[in-house]
Structures are given as C-alpha cells and as structure tokens.
Amino acid sequence: MIKPSLVRACLKTFQTFLSWIPFPYIFDTELIPLVLNHFLVPNTSRIEAIKCFGEIAALLAPPDTNSSEASKLLPGGAPTQDTPENRPN
C-alpha cells in the first residue's frame, strides 16, 4: 500500500516543477488524464491535485504552440497572438 503522505509529497513536488516542464509534454501526453483519474478522486490527494491543475491553468502557452490537447482544454481554442492578420476588419 502506498502511503497517502508520499502521494501528497510527490504531487507537491510535481506542482513546483510544472512551470519547467515543456508545454507540449503537459498537453500532448497522458499527464493531465493521469492526474485526473488517479489523484483527484481520493480525498487524501485531492487538494494537491487541484493545486497542480491551478499551476497548469496559470501556464502561458508559447506563441508557436499548436497543441491539440491545449485547444480542447482552453476556451476558444489555443490562444493566438494578437497580430494585424489575426484582427477582424
């Protein structure tokens, strides 16, 4: 049996390093579903899992990002840079 305190410590460490993880690795792998399916439901790790999602939500997508998973998760699709060709006439 895995100790809940170990899971919480791992999620806290994961939260700390999320800003260093490449954006495509977060959104184009099974990382988000893994946290959702394994750590959000148990009461012992829910708070730390939610904090991880808060960190993920605070990440800024690089301008050249074309992530399909990010497009599904972000309202209105992946953010676009405000350039003259993107502005409505």
PDB file of N, CA and C in Angstrom:
ATOM      1  N   MET A   1       0.840  -1.188   0.000  1.00  0.00           N
ATOM      2  CA  MET A   1       0.000   0.000   0.000  1.00  0.00           C
ATOM      3  C   MET A   1       0.884   1.250   0.000  1.00  0.00           C
ATOM      4  N   ILE A   2       0.537   2.192  -0.844  1.00  0.00           N
ATOM      5  CA  ILE A   2       1.292   3.441  -0.936  1.00  0.00           C
ATOM      6  C   ILE A   2       0.761   4.412   0.111  1.00  0.00           C
ATOM      7  N   LYS A   3       1.668   5.021   0.832  1.00  0.00           N
ATOM      8  CA  LYS A   3       1.284   5.967   1.878  1.00  0.00           C
ATOM      9  C   LYS A   3       0.707   7.234   1.240  1.00  0.00           C
ATOM     10  N   PRO A   4      -0.432   7.705   1.733  1.00  0.00           N
ATOM     11  CA  PRO A   4      -1.004   8.956   1.213  1.00  0.00           C
ATOM     12  C   PRO A   4      -0.050  10.144   1.358  1.00  0.00           C
ATOM     13  N   SER A   5       0.748  10.145   2.404  1.00  0.00           N
ATOM     14  CA  SER A   5       1.689  11.253   2.596  1.00  0.00           C
ATOM     15  C   SER A   5       2.735  11.285   1.479  1.00  0.00           C
ATOM     16  N   LEU A   6       3.118  10.116   0.972  1.00  0.00           N
ATOM     17  CA  LEU A   6       4.067  10.048  -0.142  1.00  0.00           C
ATOM     18  C   LEU A   6       3.433  10.591  -1.425  1.00  0.00           C
ATOM     19  N   VAL A   7       2.180  10.251  -1.675  1.00  0.00           N
ATOM     20  CA  VAL A   7       1.469  10.751  -2.856  1.00  0.00           C
ATOM     21  C   VAL A   7       1.356  12.271  -2.785  1.00  0.00           C
ATOM     22  N   ARG A   8       0.977  12.790  -1.615  1.00  0.00           N
ATOM     23  CA  ARG A   8       0.858  14.246  -1.457  1.00  0.00           C
ATOM     24  C   ARG A   8       2.198  14.939  -1.682  1.00  0.00           C
ATOM     25  N   ALA A   9       3.274  14.362  -1.138  1.00  0.00           N
ATOM     26  CA  ALA A   9       4.604  14.957  -1.319  1.00  0.00           C
ATOM     27  C   ALA A   9       5.006  14.957  -2.796  1.00  0.00           C
ATOM     28  N   CYS A  10       4.698  13.884  -3.505  1.00  0.00           N
ATOM     29  CA  CYS A  10       5.016  13.807  -4.945  1.00  0.00           C
ATOM     30  C   CYS A  10       4.221  14.842  -5.734  1.00  0.00           C
ATOM     31  N   LEU A  11       2.943  14.998  -5.419  1.00  0.00           N
ATOM     32  CA  LEU A  11       2.124  15.987  -6.123  1.00  0.00           C
ATOM     33  C   LEU A  11       2.597  17.405  -5.825  1.00  0.00           C
ATOM     34  N   LYS A  12       3.021  17.672  -4.590  1.00  0.00           N
ATOM     35  CA  LYS A  12       3.552  18.998  -4.259  1.00  0.00           C
ATOM     36  C   LYS A  12       4.831  19.277  -5.048  1.00  0.00           C
ATOM     37  N   THR A  13       5.683  18.270  -5.179  1.00  0.00           N
ATOM     38  CA  THR A  13       6.909  18.422  -5.963  1.00  0.00           C
ATOM     39  C   THR A  13       6.570  18.633  -7.435  1.00  0.00           C
ATOM     40  N   PHE A  14       5.627  17.856  -7.943  1.00  0.00           N
ATOM     41  CA  PHE A  14       5.165  17.997  -9.328  1.00  0.00           C
ATOM     42  C   PHE A  14       4.655  19.408  -9.570  1.00  0.00           C
ATOM     43  N   GLN A  15       3.873  19.934  -8.638  1.00  0.00           N
ATOM     44  CA  GLN A  15       3.338  21.286  -8.753  1.00  0.00           C
ATOM     45  C   GLN A  15       4.469  22.312  -8.832  1.00  0.00           C
ATOM     46  N   THR A  16       5.497  22.112  -8.037  1.00  0.00           N
ATOM     47  CA  THR A  16       6.629  23.031  -8.017  1.00  0.00           C
ATOM     48  C   THR A  16       7.351  23.078  -9.360  1.00  0.00           C
ATOM     49  N   PHE A  17       7.470  21.924 -10.007  1.00  0.00           N
ATOM     50  CA  PHE A  17       8.245  21.842 -11.242  1.00  0.00           C
ATOM     51  C   PHE A  17       7.410  21.975 -12.512  1.00  0.00           C
ATOM     52  N   LEU A  18       6.109  22.159 -12.394  1.00  0.00           N
ATOM     53  CA  LEU A  18       5.261  22.251 -13.587  1.00  0.00           C
ATOM     54  C   LEU A  18       5.682  23.379 -14.524  1.00  0.00           C
ATOM     55  N   SER A  19       6.112  24.480 -13.975  1.00  0.00           N
ATOM     56  CA  SER A  19       6.495  25.612 -14.836  1.00  0.00           C
ATOM     57  C   SER A  19       7.751  25.310 -15.646  1.00  0.00           C
ATOM     58  N   TRP A  20       8.501  24.292 -15.282  1.00  0.00           N
ATOM     59  CA  TRP A  20       9.714  23.926 -16.006  1.00  0.00           C
ATOM     60  C   TRP A  20       9.471  22.840 -17.046  1.00  0.00           C
ATOM     61  N   ILE A  21       8.334  22.183 -16.972  1.00  0.00           N
ATOM     62  CA  ILE A  21       8.028  21.088 -17.892  1.00  0.00           C
ATOM     63  C   ILE A  21       7.599  21.688 -19.230  1.00  0.00           C
ATOM     64  N   PRO A  22       8.136  21.206 -20.334  1.00  0.00           N
ATOM     65  CA  PRO A  22       7.746  21.750 -21.643  1.00  0.00           C
ATOM     66  C   PRO A  22       6.228  21.659 -21.862  1.00  0.00           C
ATOM     67  N   PHE A  23       5.674  22.725 -22.378  1.00  0.00           N
ATOM     68  CA  PHE A  23       4.234  22.836 -22.593  1.00  0.00           C
ATOM     69  C   PHE A  23       3.651  21.650 -23.363  1.00  0.00           C
ATOM     70  N   PRO A  24       4.261  21.221 -24.477  1.00  0.00           N
ATOM     71  CA  PRO A  24       3.682  20.076 -25.203  1.00  0.00           C
ATOM     72  C   PRO A  24       3.645  18.798 -24.369  1.00  0.00           C
ATOM     73  N   TYR A  25       4.611  18.616 -23.482  1.00  0.00           N
ATOM     74  CA  TYR A  25       4.606  17.406 -22.662  1.00  0.00           C
ATOM     75  C   TYR A  25       3.404  17.387 -21.719  1.00  0.00           C
ATOM     76  N   ILE A  26       3.008  18.545 -21.245  1.00  0.00           N
ATOM     77  CA  ILE A  26       1.853  18.610 -20.340  1.00  0.00           C
ATOM     78  C   ILE A  26       0.566  18.336 -21.110  1.00  0.00           C
ATOM     79  N   PHE A  27       0.415  18.943 -22.288  1.00  0.00           N
ATOM     80  CA  PHE A  27      -0.854  18.877 -23.003  1.00  0.00           C
ATOM     81  C   PHE A  27      -0.943  17.783 -24.054  1.00  0.00           C
ATOM     82  N   ASP A  28       0.164  17.288 -24.546  1.00  0.00           N
ATOM     83  CA  ASP A  28       0.114  16.294 -25.617  1.00  0.00           C
ATOM     84  C   ASP A  28       0.421  14.872 -25.143  1.00  0.00           C
ATOM     85  N   THR A  29       0.493  14.683 -23.850  1.00  0.00           N
ATOM     86  CA  THR A  29       0.707  13.340 -23.291  1.00  0.00           C
ATOM     87  C   THR A  29      -0.475  13.004 -22.383  1.00  0.00           C
ATOM     88  N   GLU A  30      -0.394  11.897 -21.726  1.00  0.00           N
ATOM     89  CA  GLU A  30      -1.461  11.456 -20.818  1.00  0.00           C
ATOM     90  C   GLU A  30      -1.284  12.011 -19.409  1.00  0.00           C
ATOM     91  N   LEU A  31      -0.500  13.058 -19.258  1.00  0.00           N
ATOM     92  CA  LEU A  31      -0.206  13.615 -17.944  1.00  0.00           C
ATOM     93  C   LEU A  31      -1.459  14.142 -17.240  1.00  0.00           C
ATOM     94  N   ILE A  32      -2.244  14.939 -17.917  1.00  0.00           N
ATOM     95  CA  ILE A  32      -3.452  15.506 -17.309  1.00  0.00           C
ATOM     96  C   ILE A  32      -4.471  14.412 -16.990  1.00  0.00           C
ATOM     97  N   PRO A  33      -4.787  13.503 -17.932  1.00  0.00           N
ATOM     98  CA  PRO A  33      -5.708  12.416 -17.577  1.00  0.00           C
ATOM     99  C   PRO A  33      -5.194  11.542 -16.430  1.00  0.00           C
ATOM    100  N   LEU A  34      -3.884  11.360 -16.354  1.00  0.00           N
ATOM    101  CA  LEU A  34      -3.318  10.565 -15.268  1.00  0.00           C
ATOM    102  C   LEU A  34      -3.614  11.200 -13.916  1.00  0.00           C
ATOM    103  N   VAL A  35      -3.382  12.490 -13.810  1.00  0.00           N
ATOM    104  CA  VAL A  35      -3.661  13.184 -12.545  1.00  0.00           C
ATOM    105  C   VAL A  35      -5.161  13.183 -12.275  1.00  0.00           C
ATOM    106  N   LEU A  36      -5.958  13.426 -13.310  1.00  0.00           N
ATOM    107  CA  LEU A  36      -7.418  13.416 -13.138  1.00  0.00           C
ATOM    108  C   LEU A  36      -7.929  12.068 -12.638  1.00  0.00           C
ATOM    109  N   ASN A  37      -7.486  11.009 -13.259  1.00  0.00           N
ATOM    110  CA  ASN A  37      -8.028   9.681 -12.977  1.00  0.00           C
ATOM    111  C   ASN A  37      -7.489   9.036 -11.713  1.00  0.00           C
ATOM    112  N   HIS A  38      -6.294   9.408 -11.287  1.00  0.00           N
ATOM    113  CA  HIS A  38      -5.678   8.715 -10.166  1.00  0.00           C
ATOM    114  C   HIS A  38      -5.579   9.528  -8.884  1.00  0.00           C
ATOM    115  N   PHE A  39      -5.559  10.851  -8.991  1.00  0.00           N
ATOM    116  CA  PHE A  39      -5.277  11.645  -7.798  1.00  0.00           C
ATOM    117  C   PHE A  39      -6.364  12.643  -7.429  1.00  0.00           C
ATOM    118  N   LEU A  40      -7.324  12.875  -8.286  1.00  0.00           N
ATOM    119  CA  LEU A  40      -8.364  13.858  -7.987  1.00  0.00           C
ATOM    120  C   LEU A  40      -9.471  13.275  -7.118  1.00  0.00           C
ATOM    121  N   VAL A  41      -9.781  12.014  -7.295  1.00  0.00           N
ATOM    122  CA  VAL A  41     -10.898  11.401  -6.565  1.00  0.00           C
ATOM    123  C   VAL A  41     -10.576  11.104  -5.099  1.00  0.00           C
ATOM    124  N   PRO A  42      -9.416  10.508  -4.787  1.00  0.00           N
ATOM    125  CA  PRO A  42      -9.165  10.215  -3.377  1.00  0.00           C
ATOM    126  C   PRO A  42      -9.065  11.494  -2.544  1.00  0.00           C
ATOM    127  N   ASN A  43      -9.747  11.492  -1.411  1.00  0.00           N
ATOM    128  CA  ASN A  43      -9.713  12.668  -0.533  1.00  0.00           C
ATOM    129  C   ASN A  43      -8.300  13.000  -0.074  1.00  0.00           C
ATOM    130  N   THR A  44      -7.450  11.992   0.020  1.00  0.00           N
ATOM    131  CA  THR A  44      -6.105  12.208   0.553  1.00  0.00           C
ATOM    132  C   THR A  44      -5.208  12.994  -0.384  1.00  0.00           C
ATOM    133  N   SER A  45      -5.526  13.045  -1.679  1.00  0.00           N
ATOM    134  CA  SER A  45      -4.664  13.755  -2.633  1.00  0.00           C
ATOM    135  C   SER A  45      -5.408  14.812  -3.441  1.00  0.00           C
ATOM    136  N   ARG A  46      -6.676  15.012  -3.165  1.00  0.00           N
ATOM    137  CA  ARG A  46      -7.499  15.928  -3.970  1.00  0.00           C
ATOM    138  C   ARG A  46      -6.966  17.361  -3.955  1.00  0.00           C
ATOM    139  N   ILE A  47      -6.636  17.880  -2.794  1.00  0.00           N
ATOM    140  CA  ILE A  47      -6.199  19.278  -2.699  1.00  0.00           C
ATOM    141  C   ILE A  47      -4.916  19.500  -3.501  1.00  0.00           C
ATOM    142  N   GLU A  48      -3.964  18.588  -3.373  1.00  0.00           N
ATOM    143  CA  GLU A  48      -2.713  18.737  -4.112  1.00  0.00           C
ATOM    144  C   GLU A  48      -2.947  18.607  -5.618  1.00  0.00           C
ATOM    145  N   ALA A  49      -3.838  17.713  -6.033  1.00  0.00           N
ATOM    146  CA  ALA A  49      -4.148  17.560  -7.457  1.00  0.00           C
ATOM    147  C   ALA A  49      -4.773  18.838  -8.007  1.00  0.00           C
ATOM    148  N   ILE A  50      -5.678  19.430  -7.248  1.00  0.00           N
ATOM    149  CA  ILE A  50      -6.316  20.681  -7.687  1.00  0.00           C
ATOM    150  C   ILE A  50      -5.279  21.797  -7.792  1.00  0.00           C
ATOM    151  N   LYS A  51      -4.337  21.831  -6.864  1.00  0.00           N
ATOM    152  CA  LYS A  51      -3.276  22.841  -6.945  1.00  0.00           C
ATOM    153  C   LYS A  51      -2.425  22.641  -8.203  1.00  0.00           C
ATOM    154  N   CYS A  52      -2.199  21.383  -8.578  1.00  0.00           N
ATOM    155  CA  CYS A  52      -1.462  21.108  -9.824  1.00  0.00           C
ATOM    156  C   CYS A  52      -2.225  21.653 -11.020  1.00  0.00           C
ATOM    157  N   PHE A  53      -3.547  21.460 -11.038  1.00  0.00           N
ATOM    158  CA  PHE A  53      -4.343  21.983 -12.143  1.00  0.00           C
ATOM    159  C   PHE A  53      -4.356  23.505 -12.142  1.00  0.00           C
ATOM    160  N   GLY A  54      -4.283  24.106 -10.966  1.00  0.00           N
ATOM    161  CA  GLY A  54      -4.156  25.563 -10.891  1.00  0.00           C
ATOM    162  C   GLY A  54      -2.859  26.046 -11.525  1.00  0.00           C
ATOM    163  N   GLU A  55      -1.780  25.323 -11.267  1.00  0.00           N
ATOM    164  CA  GLU A  55      -0.497  25.657 -11.888  1.00  0.00           C
ATOM    165  C   GLU A  55      -0.555  25.480 -13.402  1.00  0.00           C
ATOM    166  N   ILE A  56      -1.183  24.401 -13.848  1.00  0.00           N
ATOM    167  CA  ILE A  56      -1.313  24.165 -15.291  1.00  0.00           C
ATOM    168  C   ILE A  56      -2.127  25.287 -15.929  1.00  0.00           C
ATOM    169  N   ALA A  57      -3.200  25.701 -15.263  1.00  0.00           N
ATOM    170  CA  ALA A  57      -4.039  26.774 -15.801  1.00  0.00           C
ATOM    171  C   ALA A  57      -3.285  28.096 -15.868  1.00  0.00           C
ATOM    172  N   ALA A  58      -2.324  28.291 -14.991  1.00  0.00           N
ATOM    173  CA  ALA A  58      -1.569  29.545 -14.961  1.00  0.00           C
ATOM    174  C   ALA A  58      -0.449  29.586 -16.000  1.00  0.00           C
ATOM    175  N   LEU A  59      -0.149  28.440 -16.615  1.00  0.00           N
ATOM    176  CA  LEU A  59       0.924  28.411 -17.609  1.00  0.00           C
ATOM    177  C   LEU A  59       0.520  29.197 -18.847  1.00  0.00           C
ATOM    178  N   LEU A  60       1.475  29.891 -19.407  1.00  0.00           N
ATOM    179  CA  LEU A  60       1.235  30.620 -20.651  1.00  0.00           C
ATOM    180  C   LEU A  60       1.770  29.789 -21.800  1.00  0.00           C
ATOM    181  N   ALA A  61       0.949  29.608 -22.809  1.00  0.00           N
ATOM    182  CA  ALA A  61       1.369  28.840 -23.982  1.00  0.00           C
ATOM    183  C   ALA A  61       2.365  29.657 -24.786  1.00  0.00           C
ATOM    184  N   PRO A  62       3.446  29.036 -25.220  1.00  0.00           N
ATOM    185  CA  PRO A  62       4.367  29.744 -26.114  1.00  0.00           C
ATOM    186  C   PRO A  62       3.638  30.148 -27.391  1.00  0.00           C
ATOM    187  N   PRO A  63       4.031  31.249 -28.020  1.00  0.00           N
ATOM    188  CA  PRO A  63       3.324  31.728 -29.218  1.00  0.00           C
ATOM    189  C   PRO A  63       3.264  30.701 -30.350  1.00  0.00           C
ATOM    190  N   ASP A  64       4.235  29.817 -30.446  1.00  0.00           N
ATOM    191  CA  ASP A  64       4.265  28.857 -31.548  1.00  0.00           C
ATOM    192  C   ASP A  64       3.571  27.547 -31.202  1.00  0.00           C
ATOM    193  N   THR A  65       2.813  27.517 -30.114  1.00  0.00           N
ATOM    194  CA  THR A  65       2.173  26.286 -29.678  1.00  0.00           C
ATOM    195  C   THR A  65       0.960  25.976 -30.545  1.00  0.00           C
ATOM    196  N   ASN A  66       0.889  24.744 -31.004  1.00  0.00           N
ATOM    197  CA  ASN A  66      -0.252  24.275 -31.773  1.00  0.00           C
ATOM    198  C   ASN A  66      -0.649  22.921 -31.206  1.00  0.00           C
ATOM    199  N   SER A  67      -0.972  22.894 -29.940  1.00  0.00           N
ATOM    200  CA  SER A  67      -1.270  21.657 -29.236  1.00  0.00           C
ATOM    201  C   SER A  67      -2.751  21.323 -29.361  1.00  0.00           C
ATOM    202  N   SER A  68      -3.047  20.130 -29.820  1.00  0.00           N
ATOM    203  CA  SER A  68      -4.441  19.725 -29.960  1.00  0.00           C
ATOM    204  C   SER A  68      -5.107  19.591 -28.608  1.00  0.00           C
ATOM    205  N   GLU A  69      -4.397  19.071 -27.618  1.00  0.00           N
ATOM    206  CA  GLU A  69      -4.976  18.926 -26.278  1.00  0.00           C
ATOM    207  C   GLU A  69      -5.221  20.289 -25.650  1.00  0.00           C
ATOM    208  N   ALA A  70      -4.297  21.217 -25.819  1.00  0.00           N
ATOM    209  CA  ALA A  70      -4.480  22.560 -25.277  1.00  0.00           C
ATOM    210  C   ALA A  70      -5.691  23.217 -25.924  1.00  0.00           C
ATOM    211  N   SER A  71      -5.893  22.983 -27.216  1.00  0.00           N
ATOM    212  CA  SER A  71      -7.043  23.550 -27.910  1.00  0.00           C
ATOM    213  C   SER A  71      -8.353  23.041 -27.319  1.00  0.00           C
ATOM    214  N   LYS A  72      -8.368  21.777 -26.909  1.00  0.00           N
ATOM    215  CA  LYS A  72      -9.583  21.214 -26.313  1.00  0.00           C
ATOM    216  C   LYS A  72      -9.833  21.768 -24.922  1.00  0.00           C
ATOM    217  N   LEU A  73      -8.758  22.041 -24.183  1.00  0.00           N
ATOM    218  CA  LEU A  73      -8.904  22.435 -22.789  1.00  0.00           C
ATOM    219  C   LEU A  73      -9.087  23.930 -22.592  1.00  0.00           C
ATOM    220  N   LEU A  74      -8.560  24.734 -23.497  1.00  0.00           N
ATOM    221  CA  LEU A  74      -8.641  26.181 -23.330  1.00  0.00           C
ATOM    222  C   LEU A  74      -9.886  26.714 -24.021  1.00  0.00           C
ATOM    223  N   PRO A  75     -10.618  27.637 -23.386  1.00  0.00           N
ATOM    224  CA  PRO A  75     -11.816  28.190 -24.013  1.00  0.00           C
ATOM    225  C   PRO A  75     -11.468  28.918 -25.309  1.00  0.00           C
ATOM    226  N   GLY A  76     -12.210  28.641 -26.340  1.00  0.00           N
ATOM    227  CA  GLY A  76     -11.982  29.297 -27.619  1.00  0.00           C
ATOM    228  C   GLY A  76     -10.783  28.768 -28.365  1.00  0.00           C
ATOM    229  N   GLY A  77     -10.276  27.633 -27.962  1.00  0.00           N
ATOM    230  CA  GLY A  77      -9.115  27.058 -28.636  1.00  0.00           C
ATOM    231  C   GLY A  77      -7.826  27.599 -28.066  1.00  0.00           C
ATOM    232  N   ALA A  78      -6.739  27.221 -28.683  1.00  0.00           N
ATOM    233  CA  ALA A  78      -5.426  27.679 -28.224  1.00  0.00           C
ATOM    234  C   ALA A  78      -5.316  29.181 -28.425  1.00  0.00           C
ATOM    235  N   PRO A  79      -4.652  29.858 -27.493  1.00  0.00           N
ATOM    236  CA  PRO A  79      -4.526  31.308 -27.627  1.00  0.00           C
ATOM    237  C   PRO A  79      -3.715  31.675 -28.856  1.00  0.00           C
ATOM    238  N   THR A  80      -4.110  32.776 -29.484  1.00  0.00           N
ATOM    239  CA  THR A  80      -3.370  33.249 -30.650  1.00  0.00           C
ATOM    240  C   THR A  80      -2.760  34.596 -30.309  1.00  0.00           C
ATOM    241  N   GLN A  81      -1.679  34.893 -30.939  1.00  0.00           N
ATOM    242  CA  GLN A  81      -1.005  36.155 -30.715  1.00  0.00           C
ATOM    243  C   GLN A  81      -1.759  37.236 -31.477  1.00  0.00           C
ATOM    244  N   ASP A  82      -1.901  38.392 -30.861  1.00  0.00           N
ATOM    245  CA  ASP A  82      -2.616  39.495 -31.492  1.00  0.00           C
ATOM    246  C   ASP A  82      -1.713  40.153 -32.524  1.00  0.00           C
ATOM    247  N   THR A  83      -1.939  39.816 -33.795  1.00  0.00           N
ATOM    248  CA  THR A  83      -1.190  40.385 -34.900  1.00  0.00           C
ATOM    249  C   THR A  83      -2.182  40.981 -35.883  1.00  0.00           C
ATOM    250  N   PRO A  84      -1.741  41.875 -36.759  1.00  0.00           N
ATOM    251  CA  PRO A  84      -2.676  42.502 -37.704  1.00  0.00           C
ATOM    252  C   PRO A  84      -3.461  41.492 -38.534  1.00  0.00           C
ATOM    253  N   GLU A  85      -2.848  40.386 -38.945  1.00  0.00           N
ATOM    254  CA  GLU A  85      -3.577  39.411 -39.761  1.00  0.00           C
ATOM    255  C   GLU A  85      -4.612  38.643 -38.968  1.00  0.00           C
ATOM    256  N   ASN A  86      -4.525  38.630 -37.651  1.00  0.00           N
ATOM    257  CA  ASN A  86      -5.499  37.921 -36.806  1.00  0.00           C
ATOM    258  C   ASN A  86      -6.665  38.813 -36.383  1.00  0.00           C
ATOM    259  N   ARG A  87      -6.547  40.111 -36.591  1.00  0.00           N
ATOM    260  CA  ARG A  87      -7.595  41.030 -36.165  1.00  0.00           C
ATOM    261  C   ARG A  87      -8.734  41.102 -37.180  1.00  0.00           C
ATOM    262  N   PRO A  88      -9.983  41.168 -36.667  1.00  0.00           N
ATOM    263  CA  PRO A  88     -11.106  41.318 -37.616  1.00  0.00           C
ATOM    264  C   PRO A  88     -11.065  42.678 -38.271  1.00  0.00           C
ATOM    265  N   ASN A  89     -11.571  42.761 -39.489  1.00  0.00           N
ATOM    266  CA  ASN A  89     -11.569  44.035 -40.241  1.00  0.00           C
ATOM    267  C   ASN A  89     -12.589  44.988 -39.726  1.00  0.00           C
TER     268      ASN A  89
END
